[in-house]
Protein backbone atom coordinates (compact mmCIF):
# COMPACT_ATOMS: atom_id res chain seq x y z
CA UNK A 1 6.34 51.24 -48.70
CA UNK A 2 9.35 51.59 -50.98
CA UNK A 3 11.12 53.80 -48.41
CA UNK A 4 10.37 51.25 -45.69
CA UNK A 5 11.83 48.46 -47.82
CA UNK A 6 14.98 50.50 -48.51
CA UNK A 7 15.33 51.27 -44.79
CA UNK A 8 15.04 47.54 -43.92
CA UNK A 9 17.54 46.67 -46.64
CA UNK A 10 20.04 49.24 -45.32
CA UNK A 11 19.54 47.97 -41.76
CA UNK A 12 20.09 44.41 -42.99
CA UNK A 13 23.33 45.23 -44.81
CA UNK A 14 24.79 47.30 -41.96
CA UNK A 15 23.81 44.72 -39.34
CA UNK A 16 25.05 41.72 -41.29
CA UNK A 17 28.58 43.06 -41.32
CA UNK A 18 28.55 44.61 -37.84
CA UNK A 19 26.51 42.36 -35.56
CA UNK A 20 25.68 38.68 -35.09
CA UNK A 21 23.33 37.44 -37.80
CA UNK A 22 20.83 34.54 -37.86
CA UNK A 23 18.50 33.48 -40.66
CA UNK A 24 16.35 30.40 -40.24
CA UNK A 25 13.07 28.81 -39.28
CA UNK A 26 11.41 28.99 -35.88
CA UNK A 27 8.58 26.72 -34.77
CA UNK A 28 6.34 27.75 -31.91
CA UNK A 29 3.43 25.79 -30.47
CA UNK A 30 1.21 28.83 -30.15
CA UNK A 31 0.48 30.89 -33.27
CA UNK A 32 0.92 34.67 -33.07
CA UNK A 33 -2.13 34.98 -35.34
CA UNK A 34 -3.60 31.99 -37.10
CA UNK A 35 -3.24 32.00 -40.87
CA UNK A 36 -6.51 30.10 -41.23
CA UNK A 37 -9.57 29.78 -39.04
CA UNK A 38 -8.45 26.36 -37.77
CA UNK A 39 -6.43 26.39 -34.51
CA UNK A 40 -2.96 25.04 -35.25
CA UNK A 41 -0.69 22.77 -33.26
CA UNK A 42 2.53 24.42 -34.48
CA UNK A 43 3.33 27.60 -36.41
CA UNK A 44 6.49 27.82 -38.50
CA UNK A 45 7.99 31.30 -38.81
CA UNK A 46 10.83 32.68 -40.88
CA UNK A 47 13.15 34.48 -38.46
CA UNK A 48 15.91 36.96 -39.20
CA UNK A 49 18.13 38.26 -36.39
CA UNK A 50 20.17 41.38 -37.05
CA UNK A 51 22.19 42.08 -33.95
CA UNK A 52 19.74 42.79 -31.12
CA UNK A 53 16.73 43.15 -33.44
CA UNK A 54 14.84 40.29 -35.02
CA UNK A 55 11.92 39.88 -37.38
CA UNK A 56 9.59 36.89 -37.66
CA UNK A 57 6.87 36.18 -40.19
CA UNK A 58 4.56 33.12 -40.16
CA UNK A 59 5.06 30.81 -43.14
CA UNK A 60 3.07 27.68 -42.35
CA UNK A 61 0.87 25.93 -39.80
CA UNK A 62 0.74 22.27 -38.79
CA UNK A 63 -2.53 20.88 -37.43
CA UNK A 64 -3.27 18.09 -34.95
CA UNK A 65 -4.38 15.66 -37.66
CA UNK A 66 -0.99 15.97 -39.40
CA UNK A 67 -2.18 18.22 -42.20
CA UNK A 68 -0.51 21.54 -42.88
CA UNK A 69 -1.10 24.89 -44.54
CA UNK A 70 1.62 26.87 -46.33
CA UNK A 71 0.96 30.55 -46.90
CA UNK A 72 1.36 31.62 -50.53
CA UNK A 73 0.20 35.22 -50.10
CA UNK A 74 3.01 37.49 -48.94
CA UNK A 75 1.43 40.76 -50.00
CA UNK A 76 1.75 44.07 -48.20
CA UNK A 77 -1.41 43.53 -46.14
CA UNK A 78 -0.20 40.14 -44.91
CA UNK A 79 3.23 41.49 -43.95
CA UNK A 80 1.79 44.52 -42.17
CA UNK A 81 -0.61 42.41 -40.12
CA UNK A 82 1.67 39.44 -39.32
CA UNK A 83 5.25 40.72 -39.09
CA UNK A 84 6.61 40.58 -35.54
CA UNK A 85 9.59 42.69 -34.52
CA UNK A 86 11.56 41.94 -31.40
CA UNK A 87 14.59 42.71 -29.33
CA UNK A 88 16.80 39.92 -28.01
CA UNK A 89 19.88 39.57 -25.86
CA UNK A 90 22.23 36.65 -26.54
CA UNK A 91 24.99 36.42 -23.94
CA UNK A 92 27.57 33.81 -24.91
CA UNK A 93 28.90 31.28 -22.43
CA UNK A 94 32.73 31.43 -22.51
CA UNK A 95 34.81 28.53 -23.87
CA UNK A 96 31.82 26.47 -25.12
CA UNK A 97 29.57 26.99 -28.17
CA UNK A 98 26.44 27.67 -26.08
CA UNK A 99 24.55 30.89 -25.66
CA UNK A 100 21.49 32.04 -23.78
CA UNK A 101 18.67 33.99 -25.44
CA UNK A 102 16.14 36.38 -23.99
CA UNK A 103 13.79 37.95 -26.50
CA UNK A 104 10.50 39.82 -26.60
CA UNK A 105 8.44 40.41 -29.71
CA UNK A 106 5.25 42.19 -30.64
CA UNK A 107 3.37 43.02 -33.84
CA UNK A 108 5.07 46.35 -34.60
CA UNK A 109 2.92 47.53 -37.51
CA UNK A 110 -0.24 46.70 -35.56
CA UNK A 111 1.11 48.86 -32.73
CA UNK A 112 1.98 51.72 -35.11
CA UNK A 113 -1.35 51.73 -36.96
CA UNK A 114 -3.77 50.97 -34.11
CA UNK A 115 -1.72 52.39 -31.20
CA UNK A 116 -2.38 49.16 -29.32
CA UNK A 117 -1.47 45.48 -29.39
CA UNK A 118 -3.02 42.34 -27.97
CA UNK A 119 -0.07 39.99 -27.33
CA UNK A 120 3.59 40.13 -26.34
CA UNK A 121 5.75 37.00 -26.35
CA UNK A 122 8.76 36.73 -24.05
CA UNK A 123 11.14 33.94 -25.12
CA UNK A 124 13.80 32.43 -22.86
CA UNK A 125 16.05 29.77 -24.31
CA UNK A 126 19.47 28.33 -24.96
CA UNK A 127 21.26 27.82 -28.24
CA UNK A 128 24.14 25.86 -29.68
CA UNK A 129 26.27 27.28 -32.49
CA UNK A 130 28.69 25.18 -34.53
CA UNK A 131 30.43 26.85 -37.48
CA UNK A 132 27.54 28.39 -39.46
CA UNK A 133 24.71 26.31 -37.94
CA UNK A 134 22.71 27.41 -34.91
CA UNK A 135 20.09 25.38 -33.02
CA UNK A 136 18.00 26.99 -30.33
CA UNK A 137 15.08 26.13 -28.08
CA UNK A 138 13.26 27.42 -25.06
CA UNK A 139 10.08 28.48 -23.33
CA UNK A 140 7.63 31.21 -24.27
CA UNK A 141 5.68 33.40 -21.87
CA UNK A 142 2.70 34.94 -23.66
CA UNK A 143 1.16 38.09 -22.23
CA UNK A 144 -2.26 38.72 -23.70
CA UNK A 145 -4.47 41.78 -23.31
CA UNK A 146 -8.06 40.71 -22.73
CA UNK A 147 -11.18 42.59 -23.85
CA UNK A 148 -11.82 43.98 -20.36
CA UNK A 149 -8.36 45.63 -20.31
CA UNK A 150 -6.67 43.11 -18.00
CA UNK A 151 -3.61 41.06 -18.91
CA UNK A 152 -3.28 37.28 -18.75
CA UNK A 153 -0.07 35.27 -18.84
CA UNK A 154 0.53 31.75 -20.14
CA UNK A 155 3.91 30.21 -19.26
CA UNK A 156 5.19 26.66 -18.98
CA UNK A 157 3.31 24.88 -21.74
CA UNK A 158 4.48 27.06 -24.64
CA UNK A 159 7.81 26.38 -26.33
CA UNK A 160 9.83 27.28 -29.40
CA UNK A 161 12.77 25.88 -31.32
CA UNK A 162 14.77 27.34 -34.18
CA UNK A 163 17.40 26.20 -36.65
CA UNK A 164 19.30 28.19 -39.21
CA UNK A 165 22.49 29.79 -40.41
CA UNK A 166 24.38 32.06 -38.02
CA UNK A 167 27.37 34.28 -38.68
């Protein structure tokens, strides 16, 4: 685990000085994996973009009755089971501070340990960057592997938005 942490730290340092960088919060109306047994209305993730790669980890859930749950346990087991790793493309629109975003993420450690995964999220959105602040929003297409081996897709009623610092 220590070697993995050092590798992530090296990737972070190299990427921060070489590629576009984003650190912020992302809210999505479908949880990657619920933190509690109660279905949530909105999941809040910490997101870190390092060039084309990004990492997201669920921090909190908001429920329909207005209550919320904040995760206090960020142990190794939690990170290994909930960390999503993705690849995104962010073409910039010339002469204006807008950009498009196309990203796909999956639970990487789940894929490495179990050799399979159950969901893949494809995110399509637009963003606005002003100085060091970036705001972003878009739609999510969720591809889910069912128990019988078939895939289902949910698109159109899932969305995300993010805000954070961008360099």
